[in-house]
Amino acid sequence: KNTLFLQMNSLKPEDTAVYYCYSDDAYGPHWGQGTQVTVS
């Protein structure tokens, strides 16, 4: 399905960040635009 996952458990405030997906293929590295994770 060409899908990547990240299961995040026991989240801490220090995990707060924008999380970016990464791929490295024949065309070189590429990054997504990110998704915000906030641990209040």
Full PDB file with SEQRES, HELIX, SHEET, SSBOND, CRYST1, ORIGX, SCALE, CONECT and MASTER records, all heavy atoms in Angstrom:
SEQRES   1 A   40  LYS ASN THR LEU PHE LEU GLN MET ASN SER LEU LYS PRO          
SEQRES   2 A   40  GLU ASP THR ALA VAL TYR TYR CYS TYR SER ASP ASP ALA          
SEQRES   3 A   40  TYR GLY PRO HIS TRP GLY GLN GLY THR GLN VAL THR VAL          
SEQRES   4 A   40  SER                                                          
HELIX    1 AA1 PRO A   13  ASP A   15  5                                   3    
SHEET    1 AA1 2 ALA A  17  TYR A  19  0                                        
SHEET    2 AA1 2 THR A  35  VAL A  37 -1                                        
SHEET    1 AA2 2 TYR A  22  ASP A  25  0                                        
SHEET    2 AA2 2 GLY A  28  TRP A  31 -1                                        
CRYST1    1.000    1.000    1.000  90.00  90.00  90.00 P 1           1          
ORIGX1      1.000000  0.000000  0.000000        0.00000                         
ORIGX2      0.000000  1.000000  0.000000        0.00000                         
ORIGX3      0.000000  0.000000  1.000000        0.00000                         
SCALE1      1.000000  0.000000  0.000000        0.00000                         
SCALE2      0.000000  1.000000  0.000000        0.00000                         
SCALE3      0.000000  0.000000  1.000000        0.00000                         
ATOM      1  N   LYS A   1       0.806  -1.215   0.000  1.00  0.00           N  
ATOM      2  CA  LYS A   1       0.000   0.000   0.000  1.00  0.00           C  
ATOM      3  C   LYS A   1       0.844   1.272   0.000  1.00  0.00           C  
ATOM      4  O   LYS A   1       0.296   2.372   0.065  1.00  0.00           O  
ATOM      5  CB  LYS A   1      -0.939   0.012   1.202  1.00  0.00           C  
ATOM      6  CG  LYS A   1      -1.958  -1.113   1.186  1.00  0.00           C  
ATOM      7  CD  LYS A   1      -2.881  -1.043   2.392  1.00  0.00           C  
ATOM      8  CE  LYS A   1      -3.915  -2.145   2.349  1.00  0.00           C  
ATOM      9  NZ  LYS A   1      -4.824  -2.102   3.530  1.00  0.00           N  
ATOM     10  N   ASN A   2       2.156   1.114  -0.057  1.00  0.00           N  
ATOM     11  CA  ASN A   2       3.071   2.253  -0.069  1.00  0.00           C  
ATOM     12  C   ASN A   2       2.793   3.210   1.086  1.00  0.00           C  
ATOM     13  O   ASN A   2       2.688   4.429   0.900  1.00  0.00           O  
ATOM     14  CB  ASN A   2       2.993   2.994  -1.406  1.00  0.00           C  
ATOM     15  CG  ASN A   2       3.448   2.139  -2.570  1.00  0.00           C  
ATOM     16  OD1 ASN A   2       4.476   1.466  -2.490  1.00  0.00           O  
ATOM     17  ND2 ASN A   2       2.698   2.168  -3.655  1.00  0.00           N  
ATOM     18  N   THR A   3       2.686   2.644   2.274  1.00  0.00           N  
ATOM     19  CA  THR A   3       2.346   3.416   3.459  1.00  0.00           C  
ATOM     20  C   THR A   3       3.333   3.137   4.579  1.00  0.00           C  
ATOM     21  O   THR A   3       3.727   1.988   4.804  1.00  0.00           O  
ATOM     22  CB  THR A   3       0.922   3.099   3.934  1.00  0.00           C  
ATOM     23  OG1 THR A   3       0.006   3.324   2.853  1.00  0.00           O  
ATOM     24  CG2 THR A   3       0.540   3.993   5.095  1.00  0.00           C  
ATOM     25  N   LEU A   4       3.720   4.179   5.277  1.00  0.00           N  
ATOM     26  CA  LEU A   4       4.618   4.111   6.419  1.00  0.00           C  
ATOM     27  C   LEU A   4       3.852   4.509   7.671  1.00  0.00           C  
ATOM     28  O   LEU A   4       2.993   5.393   7.622  1.00  0.00           O  
ATOM     29  CB  LEU A   4       5.801   5.055   6.204  1.00  0.00           C  
ATOM     30  CG  LEU A   4       6.856   5.130   7.309  1.00  0.00           C  
ATOM     31  CD1 LEU A   4       7.702   3.861   7.314  1.00  0.00           C  
ATOM     32  CD2 LEU A   4       7.720   6.365   7.114  1.00  0.00           C  
ATOM     33  N   PHE A   5       4.176   3.881   8.801  1.00  0.00           N  
ATOM     34  CA  PHE A   5       3.490   4.150  10.056  1.00  0.00           C  
ATOM     35  C   PHE A   5       4.493   4.427  11.168  1.00  0.00           C  
ATOM     36  O   PHE A   5       5.633   3.971  11.133  1.00  0.00           O  
ATOM     37  CB  PHE A   5       2.616   2.970  10.473  1.00  0.00           C  
ATOM     38  CG  PHE A   5       1.610   2.558   9.451  1.00  0.00           C  
ATOM     39  CD1 PHE A   5       1.870   1.506   8.582  1.00  0.00           C  
ATOM     40  CD2 PHE A   5       0.400   3.217   9.343  1.00  0.00           C  
ATOM     41  CE1 PHE A   5       0.944   1.119   7.636  1.00  0.00           C  
ATOM     42  CE2 PHE A   5      -0.535   2.847   8.398  1.00  0.00           C  
ATOM     43  CZ  PHE A   5      -0.266   1.795   7.545  1.00  0.00           C  
ATOM     44  N   LEU A   6       4.035   5.171  12.160  1.00  0.00           N  
ATOM     45  CA  LEU A   6       4.788   5.346  13.387  1.00  0.00           C  
ATOM     46  C   LEU A   6       3.810   5.275  14.553  1.00  0.00           C  
ATOM     47  O   LEU A   6       3.008   6.191  14.753  1.00  0.00           O  
ATOM     48  CB  LEU A   6       5.544   6.673  13.412  1.00  0.00           C  
ATOM     49  CG  LEU A   6       6.443   6.894  14.623  1.00  0.00           C  
ATOM     50  CD1 LEU A   6       7.623   5.913  14.594  1.00  0.00           C  
ATOM     51  CD2 LEU A   6       6.950   8.334  14.685  1.00  0.00           C  
ATOM     52  N   GLN A   7       3.867   4.188  15.315  1.00  0.00           N  
ATOM     53  CA  GLN A   7       3.063   4.043  16.515  1.00  0.00           C  
ATOM     54  C   GLN A   7       3.840   4.641  17.675  1.00  0.00           C  
ATOM     55  O   GLN A   7       4.955   4.205  17.973  1.00  0.00           O  
ATOM     56  CB  GLN A   7       2.755   2.571  16.786  1.00  0.00           C  
ATOM     57  CG  GLN A   7       1.962   2.323  18.058  1.00  0.00           C  
ATOM     58  CD  GLN A   7       0.563   2.888  17.987  1.00  0.00           C  
ATOM     59  OE1 GLN A   7      -0.132   2.694  16.996  1.00  0.00           O  
ATOM     60  NE2 GLN A   7       0.159   3.603  19.034  1.00  0.00           N  
ATOM     61  N   MET A   8       3.261   5.631  18.332  1.00  0.00           N  
ATOM     62  CA  MET A   8       3.922   6.347  19.409  1.00  0.00           C  
ATOM     63  C   MET A   8       3.154   6.115  20.704  1.00  0.00           C  
ATOM     64  O   MET A   8       1.996   6.521  20.828  1.00  0.00           O  
ATOM     65  CB  MET A   8       4.011   7.842  19.102  1.00  0.00           C  
ATOM     66  CG  MET A   8       4.663   8.153  17.761  1.00  0.00           C  
ATOM     67  SD  MET A   8       4.937   9.923  17.504  1.00  0.00           S  
ATOM     68  CE  MET A   8       3.248  10.507  17.503  1.00  0.00           C  
ATOM     69  N   ASN A   9       3.793   5.472  21.656  1.00  0.00           N  
ATOM     70  CA  ASN A   9       3.203   5.193  22.956  1.00  0.00           C  
ATOM     71  C   ASN A   9       3.983   5.903  24.049  1.00  0.00           C  
ATOM     72  O   ASN A   9       5.121   6.316  23.852  1.00  0.00           O  
ATOM     73  CB  ASN A   9       3.185   3.686  23.225  1.00  0.00           C  
ATOM     74  CG  ASN A   9       2.377   2.907  22.216  1.00  0.00           C  
ATOM     75  OD1 ASN A   9       1.351   3.370  21.730  1.00  0.00           O  
ATOM     76  ND2 ASN A   9       2.834   1.697  21.903  1.00  0.00           N  
ATOM     77  N   SER A  10       3.364   6.018  25.212  1.00  0.00           N  
ATOM     78  CA  SER A  10       4.004   6.653  26.368  1.00  0.00           C  
ATOM     79  C   SER A  10       4.591   8.005  26.008  1.00  0.00           C  
ATOM     80  O   SER A  10       5.738   8.319  26.341  1.00  0.00           O  
ATOM     81  CB  SER A  10       5.084   5.725  26.944  1.00  0.00           C  
ATOM     82  OG  SER A  10       4.537   4.480  27.316  1.00  0.00           O  
ATOM     83  N   LEU A  11       3.799   8.815  25.349  1.00  0.00           N  
ATOM     84  CA  LEU A  11       4.289  10.098  24.859  1.00  0.00           C  
ATOM     85  C   LEU A  11       4.649  11.043  25.999  1.00  0.00           C  
ATOM     86  O   LEU A  11       3.993  11.065  27.042  1.00  0.00           O  
ATOM     87  CB  LEU A  11       3.251  10.746  23.953  1.00  0.00           C  
ATOM     88  CG  LEU A  11       3.173  10.140  22.545  1.00  0.00           C  
ATOM     89  CD1 LEU A  11       1.873  10.514  21.861  1.00  0.00           C  
ATOM     90  CD2 LEU A  11       4.370  10.599  21.713  1.00  0.00           C  
ATOM     91  N   LYS A  12       5.696  11.809  25.759  1.00  0.00           N  
ATOM     92  CA  LYS A  12       6.208  12.774  26.722  1.00  0.00           C  
ATOM     93  C   LYS A  12       6.146  14.175  26.128  1.00  0.00           C  
ATOM     94  O   LYS A  12       6.148  14.331  24.906  1.00  0.00           O  
ATOM     95  CB  LYS A  12       7.659  12.442  27.079  1.00  0.00           C  
ATOM     96  CG  LYS A  12       7.883  11.033  27.591  1.00  0.00           C  
ATOM     97  CD  LYS A  12       9.363  10.759  27.779  1.00  0.00           C  
ATOM     98  CE  LYS A  12       9.602   9.360  28.278  1.00  0.00           C  
ATOM     99  NZ  LYS A  12      11.054   9.069  28.439  1.00  0.00           N  
ATOM    100  N   PRO A  13       6.118  15.210  26.969  1.00  0.00           N  
ATOM    101  CA  PRO A  13       6.136  16.575  26.435  1.00  0.00           C  
ATOM    102  C   PRO A  13       7.313  16.830  25.496  1.00  0.00           C  
ATOM    103  O   PRO A  13       7.173  17.592  24.535  1.00  0.00           O  
ATOM    104  CB  PRO A  13       6.232  17.438  27.698  1.00  0.00           C  
ATOM    105  CG  PRO A  13       5.546  16.624  28.740  1.00  0.00           C  
ATOM    106  CD  PRO A  13       5.918  15.194  28.423  1.00  0.00           C  
ATOM    107  N   GLU A  14       8.448  16.205  25.740  1.00  0.00           N  
ATOM    108  CA  GLU A  14       9.612  16.381  24.891  1.00  0.00           C  
ATOM    109  C   GLU A  14       9.438  15.775  23.505  1.00  0.00           C  
ATOM    110  O   GLU A  14      10.264  16.016  22.624  1.00  0.00           O  
ATOM    111  CB  GLU A  14      10.859  15.782  25.567  1.00  0.00           C  
ATOM    112  CG  GLU A  14      10.777  14.283  25.774  1.00  0.00           C  
ATOM    113  CD  GLU A  14      11.735  13.775  26.835  1.00  0.00           C  
ATOM    114  OE1 GLU A  14      11.756  14.361  27.934  1.00  0.00           O  
ATOM    115  OE2 GLU A  14      12.473  12.809  26.563  1.00  0.00           O  
ATOM    116  N   ASP A  15       8.387  14.989  23.297  1.00  0.00           N  
ATOM    117  CA  ASP A  15       8.085  14.458  21.972  1.00  0.00           C  
ATOM    118  C   ASP A  15       7.358  15.470  21.094  1.00  0.00           C  
ATOM    119  O   ASP A  15       7.148  15.203  19.906  1.00  0.00           O  
ATOM    120  CB  ASP A  15       7.233  13.193  22.083  1.00  0.00           C  
ATOM    121  CG  ASP A  15       7.957  12.051  22.767  1.00  0.00           C  
ATOM    122  OD1 ASP A  15       9.158  11.848  22.477  1.00  0.00           O  
ATOM    123  OD2 ASP A  15       7.323  11.349  23.583  1.00  0.00           O  
ATOM    124  N   THR A  16       6.953  16.593  21.660  1.00  0.00           N  
ATOM    125  CA  THR A  16       6.250  17.615  20.898  1.00  0.00           C  
ATOM    126  C   THR A  16       7.132  18.126  19.764  1.00  0.00           C  
ATOM    127  O   THR A  16       8.251  18.588  19.987  1.00  0.00           O  
ATOM    128  CB  THR A  16       5.845  18.781  21.803  1.00  0.00           C  
ATOM    129  OG1 THR A  16       4.899  18.324  22.781  1.00  0.00           O  
ATOM    130  CG2 THR A  16       5.205  19.902  20.995  1.00  0.00           C  
ATOM    131  N   ALA A  17       6.620  18.037  18.540  1.00  0.00           N  
ATOM    132  CA  ALA A  17       7.387  18.427  17.365  1.00  0.00           C  
ATOM    133  C   ALA A  17       6.511  18.246  16.127  1.00  0.00           C  
ATOM    134  O   ALA A  17       5.426  17.664  16.194  1.00  0.00           O  
ATOM    135  CB  ALA A  17       8.653  17.574  17.230  1.00  0.00           C  
ATOM    136  N   VAL A  18       7.004  18.745  15.010  1.00  0.00           N  
ATOM    137  CA  VAL A  18       6.449  18.387  13.719  1.00  0.00           C  
ATOM    138  C   VAL A  18       7.171  17.132  13.251  1.00  0.00           C  
ATOM    139  O   VAL A  18       8.404  17.093  13.226  1.00  0.00           O  
ATOM    140  CB  VAL A  18       6.605  19.513  12.686  1.00  0.00           C  
ATOM    141  CG1 VAL A  18       6.086  19.066  11.324  1.00  0.00           C  
ATOM    142  CG2 VAL A  18       5.875  20.760  13.148  1.00  0.00           C  
ATOM    143  N   TYR A  19       6.404  16.125  12.899  1.00  0.00           N  
ATOM    144  CA  TYR A  19       6.963  14.851  12.476  1.00  0.00           C  
ATOM    145  C   TYR A  19       6.908  14.752  10.958  1.00  0.00           C  
ATOM    146  O   TYR A  19       5.863  14.967  10.343  1.00  0.00           O  
ATOM    147  CB  TYR A  19       6.199  13.694  13.119  1.00  0.00           C  
ATOM    148  CG  TYR A  19       6.574  13.493  14.566  1.00  0.00           C  
ATOM    149  CD1 TYR A  19       6.178  14.412  15.531  1.00  0.00           C  
ATOM    150  CD2 TYR A  19       7.341  12.403  14.966  1.00  0.00           C  
ATOM    151  CE1 TYR A  19       6.538  14.249  16.858  1.00  0.00           C  
ATOM    152  CE2 TYR A  19       7.703  12.231  16.287  1.00  0.00           C  
ATOM    153  CZ  TYR A  19       7.298  13.158  17.231  1.00  0.00           C  
ATOM    154  OH  TYR A  19       7.659  12.991  18.550  1.00  0.00           O  
ATOM    155  N   TYR A  20       8.047  14.399  10.365  1.00  0.00           N  
ATOM    156  CA  TYR A  20       8.196  14.352   8.923  1.00  0.00           C  
ATOM    157  C   TYR A  20       8.462  12.935   8.443  1.00  0.00           C  
ATOM    158  O   TYR A  20       9.301  12.231   9.015  1.00  0.00           O  
ATOM    159  CB  TYR A  20       9.356  15.240   8.465  1.00  0.00           C  
ATOM    160  CG  TYR A  20       9.171  16.702   8.763  1.00  0.00           C  
ATOM    161  CD1 TYR A  20       9.619  17.254   9.949  1.00  0.00           C  
ATOM    162  CD2 TYR A  20       8.546  17.542   7.842  1.00  0.00           C  
ATOM    163  CE1 TYR A  20       9.457  18.601  10.223  1.00  0.00           C  
ATOM    164  CE2 TYR A  20       8.383  18.884   8.104  1.00  0.00           C  
ATOM    165  CZ  TYR A  20       8.842  19.411   9.298  1.00  0.00           C  
ATOM    166  OH  TYR A  20       8.686  20.750   9.556  1.00  0.00           O  
ATOM    167  N   CYS A  21       7.787  12.551   7.398  1.00  0.00           N  
ATOM    168  CA  CYS A  21       8.036  11.289   6.721  1.00  0.00           C  
ATOM    169  C   CYS A  21       9.190  11.456   5.741  1.00  0.00           C  
ATOM    170  O   CYS A  21       9.332  12.513   5.108  1.00  0.00           O  
ATOM    171  CB  CYS A  21       6.769  10.859   5.989  1.00  0.00           C  
ATOM    172  SG  CYS A  21       6.904   9.328   5.059  1.00  0.00           S  
ATOM    173  N   TYR A  22      10.003  10.413   5.601  1.00  0.00           N  
ATOM    174  CA  TYR A  22      11.196  10.453   4.769  1.00  0.00           C  
ATOM    175  C   TYR A  22      11.262   9.234   3.868  1.00  0.00           C  
ATOM    176  O   TYR A  22      10.910   8.130   4.285  1.00  0.00           O  
ATOM    177  CB  TYR A  22      12.434  10.501   5.670  1.00  0.00           C  
ATOM    178  CG  TYR A  22      13.750  10.277   4.967  1.00  0.00           C  
ATOM    179  CD1 TYR A  22      14.364  11.297   4.260  1.00  0.00           C  
ATOM    180  CD2 TYR A  22      14.387   9.046   5.029  1.00  0.00           C  
ATOM    181  CE1 TYR A  22      15.574  11.106   3.626  1.00  0.00           C  
ATOM    182  CE2 TYR A  22      15.599   8.839   4.398  1.00  0.00           C  
ATOM    183  CZ  TYR A  22      16.192   9.877   3.697  1.00  0.00           C  
ATOM    184  OH  TYR A  22      17.393   9.678   3.082  1.00  0.00           O  
ATOM    185  N   SER A  23      11.708   9.439   2.649  1.00  0.00           N  
ATOM    186  CA  SER A  23      11.977   8.334   1.744  1.00  0.00           C  
ATOM    187  C   SER A  23      13.294   8.564   1.029  1.00  0.00           C  
ATOM    188  O   SER A  23      13.700   9.703   0.798  1.00  0.00           O  
ATOM    189  CB  SER A  23      10.848   8.154   0.725  1.00  0.00           C  
ATOM    190  OG  SER A  23      10.826   9.220  -0.207  1.00  0.00           O  
ATOM    191  N   ASP A  24      13.957   7.487   0.704  1.00  0.00           N  
ATOM    192  CA  ASP A  24      15.223   7.540  -0.024  1.00  0.00           C  
ATOM    193  C   ASP A  24      15.150   6.484  -1.120  1.00  0.00           C  
ATOM    194  O   ASP A  24      15.149   5.286  -0.823  1.00  0.00           O  
ATOM    195  CB  ASP A  24      16.387   7.288   0.921  1.00  0.00           C  
ATOM    196  CG  ASP A  24      17.730   7.611   0.290  1.00  0.00           C  
ATOM    197  OD1 ASP A  24      17.770   8.030  -0.874  1.00  0.00           O  
ATOM    198  OD2 ASP A  24      18.753   7.447   0.989  1.00  0.00           O  
ATOM    199  N   ASP A  25      15.081   6.939  -2.353  1.00  0.00           N  
ATOM    200  CA  ASP A  25      14.934   6.032  -3.478  1.00  0.00           C  
ATOM    201  C   ASP A  25      15.900   6.419  -4.587  1.00  0.00           C  
ATOM    202  O   ASP A  25      16.854   7.158  -4.365  1.00  0.00           O  
ATOM    203  CB  ASP A  25      13.477   6.019  -3.973  1.00  0.00           C  
ATOM    204  CG  ASP A  25      12.973   7.398  -4.341  1.00  0.00           C  
ATOM    205  OD1 ASP A  25      13.783   8.268  -4.715  1.00  0.00           O  
ATOM    206  OD2 ASP A  25      11.749   7.617  -4.256  1.00  0.00           O  
ATOM    207  N   ALA A  26      15.652   5.911  -5.791  1.00  0.00           N  
ATOM    208  CA  ALA A  26      16.552   6.161  -6.907  1.00  0.00           C  
ATOM    209  C   ALA A  26      16.618   7.639  -7.279  1.00  0.00           C  
ATOM    210  O   ALA A  26      17.581   8.071  -7.921  1.00  0.00           O  
ATOM    211  CB  ALA A  26      16.126   5.336  -8.115  1.00  0.00           C  
ATOM    212  N   TYR A  27      15.596   8.421  -6.906  1.00  0.00           N  
ATOM    213  CA  TYR A  27      15.569   9.844  -7.218  1.00  0.00           C  
ATOM    214  C   TYR A  27      16.209  10.686  -6.124  1.00  0.00           C  
ATOM    215  O   TYR A  27      16.292  11.907  -6.259  1.00  0.00           O  
ATOM    216  CB  TYR A  27      14.133  10.311  -7.441  1.00  0.00           C  
ATOM    217  CG  TYR A  27      13.454   9.625  -8.605  1.00  0.00           C  
ATOM    218  CD1 TYR A  27      12.656   8.507  -8.402  1.00  0.00           C  
ATOM    219  CD2 TYR A  27      13.620  10.098  -9.900  1.00  0.00           C  
ATOM    220  CE1 TYR A  27      12.038   7.878  -9.466  1.00  0.00           C  
ATOM    221  CE2 TYR A  27      13.005   9.470 -10.964  1.00  0.00           C  
ATOM    222  CZ  TYR A  27      12.216   8.362 -10.741  1.00  0.00           C  
ATOM    223  OH  TYR A  27      11.595   7.747 -11.805  1.00  0.00           O  
ATOM    224  N   GLY A  28      16.637  10.061  -5.060  1.00  0.00           N  
ATOM    225  CA  GLY A  28      17.235  10.766  -3.948  1.00  0.00           C  
ATOM    226  C   GLY A  28      16.280  10.906  -2.777  1.00  0.00           C  
ATOM    227  O   GLY A  28      15.156  10.412  -2.806  1.00  0.00           O  
ATOM    228  N   PRO A  29      16.725  11.608  -1.728  1.00  0.00           N  
ATOM    229  CA  PRO A  29      15.882  11.750  -0.538  1.00  0.00           C  
ATOM    230  C   PRO A  29      14.734  12.725  -0.753  1.00  0.00           C  
ATOM    231  O   PRO A  29      14.849  13.685  -1.525  1.00  0.00           O  
ATOM    232  CB  PRO A  29      16.859  12.282   0.515  1.00  0.00           C  
ATOM    233  CG  PRO A  29      17.892  13.022  -0.285  1.00  0.00           C  
ATOM    234  CD  PRO A  29      18.041  12.241  -1.564  1.00  0.00           C  
ATOM    235  N   HIS A  30      13.635  12.490  -0.038  1.00  0.00           N  
ATOM    236  CA  HIS A  30      12.467  13.360  -0.107  1.00  0.00           C  
ATOM    237  C   HIS A  30      11.767  13.365   1.246  1.00  0.00           C  
ATOM    238  O   HIS A  30      11.721  12.340   1.929  1.00  0.00           O  
ATOM    239  CB  HIS A  30      11.499  12.890  -1.191  1.00  0.00           C  
ATOM    240  CG  HIS A  30      10.304  13.757  -1.354  1.00  0.00           C  
ATOM    241  ND1 HIS A  30      10.362  14.987  -1.966  1.00  0.00           N  
ATOM    242  CD2 HIS A  30       9.014  13.585  -0.960  1.00  0.00           C  
ATOM    243  CE1 HIS A  30       9.164  15.532  -1.953  1.00  0.00           C  
ATOM    244  NE2 HIS A  30       8.334  14.702  -1.347  1.00  0.00           N  
ATOM    245  N   TRP A  31      11.228  14.528   1.613  1.00  0.00           N  
ATOM    246  CA  TRP A  31      10.508  14.694   2.871  1.00  0.00           C  
ATOM    247  C   TRP A  31       9.096  15.170   2.620  1.00  0.00           C  
ATOM    248  O   TRP A  31       8.854  15.964   1.706  1.00  0.00           O  
ATOM    249  CB  TRP A  31      11.222  15.691   3.779  1.00  0.00           C  
ATOM    250  CG  TRP A  31      12.580  15.248   4.221  1.00  0.00           C  
ATOM    251  CD1 TRP A  31      13.764  15.566   3.643  1.00  0.00           C  
ATOM    252  CD2 TRP A  31      12.886  14.406   5.338  1.00  0.00           C  
ATOM    253  NE1 TRP A  31      14.802  14.976   4.322  1.00  0.00           N  
ATOM    254  CE2 TRP A  31      14.297  14.259   5.371  1.00  0.00           C  
ATOM    255  CE3 TRP A  31      12.121  13.768   6.310  1.00  0.00           C  
ATOM    256  CZ2 TRP A  31      14.941  13.497   6.345  1.00  0.00           C  
ATOM    257  CZ3 TRP A  31      12.767  13.001   7.271  1.00  0.00           C  
ATOM    258  CH2 TRP A  31      14.158  12.882   7.283  1.00  0.00           C  
ATOM    259  N   GLY A  32       8.167  14.704   3.451  1.00  0.00           N  
ATOM    260  CA  GLY A  32       6.824  15.241   3.446  1.00  0.00           C  
ATOM    261  C   GLY A  32       6.769  16.599   4.119  1.00  0.00           C  
ATOM    262  O   GLY A  32       7.786  17.139   4.565  1.00  0.00           O  
ATOM    263  N   GLN A  33       5.565  17.161   4.214  1.00  0.00           N  
ATOM    264  CA  GLN A  33       5.389  18.490   4.793  1.00  0.00           C  
ATOM    265  C   GLN A  33       5.173  18.471   6.299  1.00  0.00           C  
ATOM    266  O   GLN A  33       5.167  19.530   6.924  1.00  0.00           O  
ATOM    267  CB  GLN A  33       4.239  19.219   4.104  1.00  0.00           C  
ATOM    268  CG  GLN A  33       4.538  19.572   2.655  1.00  0.00           C  
ATOM    269  CD  GLN A  33       3.469  20.428   2.028  1.00  0.00           C  
ATOM    270  OE1 GLN A  33       2.458  19.919   1.556  1.00  0.00           O  
ATOM    271  NE2 GLN A  33       3.692  21.731   2.034  1.00  0.00           N  
ATOM    272  N   GLY A  34       4.985  17.316   6.876  1.00  0.00           N  
ATOM    273  CA  GLY A  34       4.942  17.182   8.313  1.00  0.00           C  
ATOM    274  C   GLY A  34       3.547  17.175   8.897  1.00  0.00           C  
ATOM    275  O   GLY A  34       2.591  17.674   8.312  1.00  0.00           O  
ATOM    276  N   THR A  35       3.442  16.612  10.099  1.00  0.00           N  
ATOM    277  CA  THR A  35       2.218  16.626  10.882  1.00  0.00           C  
ATOM    278  C   THR A  35       2.572  16.959  12.328  1.00  0.00           C  
ATOM    279  O   THR A  35       3.547  16.439  12.876  1.00  0.00           O  
ATOM    280  CB  THR A  35       1.463  15.281  10.782  1.00  0.00           C  
ATOM    281  OG1 THR A  35       0.220  15.373  11.478  1.00  0.00           O  
ATOM    282  CG2 THR A  35       2.282  14.127  11.342  1.00  0.00           C  
ATOM    283  N   GLN A  36       1.797  17.849  12.939  1.00  0.00           N  
ATOM    284  CA  GLN A  36       2.106  18.348  14.277  1.00  0.00           C  
ATOM    285  C   GLN A  36       1.673  17.360  15.346  1.00  0.00           C  
ATOM    286  O   GLN A  36       0.538  16.886  15.344  1.00  0.00           O  
ATOM    287  CB  GLN A  36       1.416  19.695  14.510  1.00  0.00           C  
ATOM    288  CG  GLN A  36       1.615  20.264  15.910  1.00  0.00           C  
ATOM    289  CD  GLN A  36       3.022  20.742  16.153  1.00  0.00           C  
ATOM    290  OE1 GLN A  36       3.589  21.454  15.331  1.00  0.00           O  
ATOM    291  NE2 GLN A  36       3.598  20.345  17.288  1.00  0.00           N  
ATOM    292  N   VAL A  37       2.572  17.074  16.261  1.00  0.00           N  
ATOM    293  CA  VAL A  37       2.279  16.291  17.453  1.00  0.00           C  
ATOM    294  C   VAL A  37       2.556  17.164  18.669  1.00  0.00           C  
ATOM    295  O   VAL A  37       3.662  17.674  18.830  1.00  0.00           O  
ATOM    296  CB  VAL A  37       3.122  15.004  17.518  1.00  0.00           C  
ATOM    297  CG1 VAL A  37       2.946  14.314  18.866  1.00  0.00           C  
ATOM    298  CG2 VAL A  37       2.753  14.071  16.380  1.00  0.00           C  
ATOM    299  N   THR A  38       1.543  17.333  19.507  1.00  0.00           N  
ATOM    300  CA  THR A  38       1.681  18.138  20.717  1.00  0.00           C  
ATOM    301  C   THR A  38       1.295  17.306  21.923  1.00  0.00           C  
ATOM    302  O   THR A  38       0.180  16.788  21.991  1.00  0.00           O  
ATOM    303  CB  THR A  38       0.806  19.397  20.655  1.00  0.00           C  
ATOM    304  OG1 THR A  38       1.170  20.184  19.523  1.00  0.00           O  
ATOM    305  CG2 THR A  38       0.984  20.230  21.922  1.00  0.00           C  
ATOM    306  N   VAL A  39       2.207  17.167  22.855  1.00  0.00           N  
ATOM    307  CA  VAL A  39       1.954  16.466  24.106  1.00  0.00           C  
ATOM    308  C   VAL A  39       1.820  17.528  25.185  1.00  0.00           C  
ATOM    309  O   VAL A  39       2.799  18.159  25.565  1.00  0.00           O  
ATOM    310  CB  VAL A  39       3.071  15.471  24.432  1.00  0.00           C  
ATOM    311  CG1 VAL A  39       2.717  14.666  25.675  1.00  0.00           C  
ATOM    312  CG2 VAL A  39       3.324  14.543  23.249  1.00  0.00           C  
ATOM    313  N   SER A  40       0.622  17.740  25.648  1.00  0.00           N  
ATOM    314  CA  SER A  40       0.326  18.854  26.538  1.00  0.00           C  
ATOM    315  C   SER A  40       0.800  18.583  27.955  1.00  0.00           C  
ATOM    316  O   SER A  40       0.968  17.428  28.379  1.00  0.00           O  
ATOM    317  CB  SER A  40      -1.169  19.154  26.520  1.00  0.00           C  
ATOM    318  OG  SER A  40      -1.910  18.062  27.041  1.00  0.00           O  
TER     319      SER A  40                                                      
MASTER        0    0    0    1    4    0    0    6  318    1    0    4          
END                                                                             
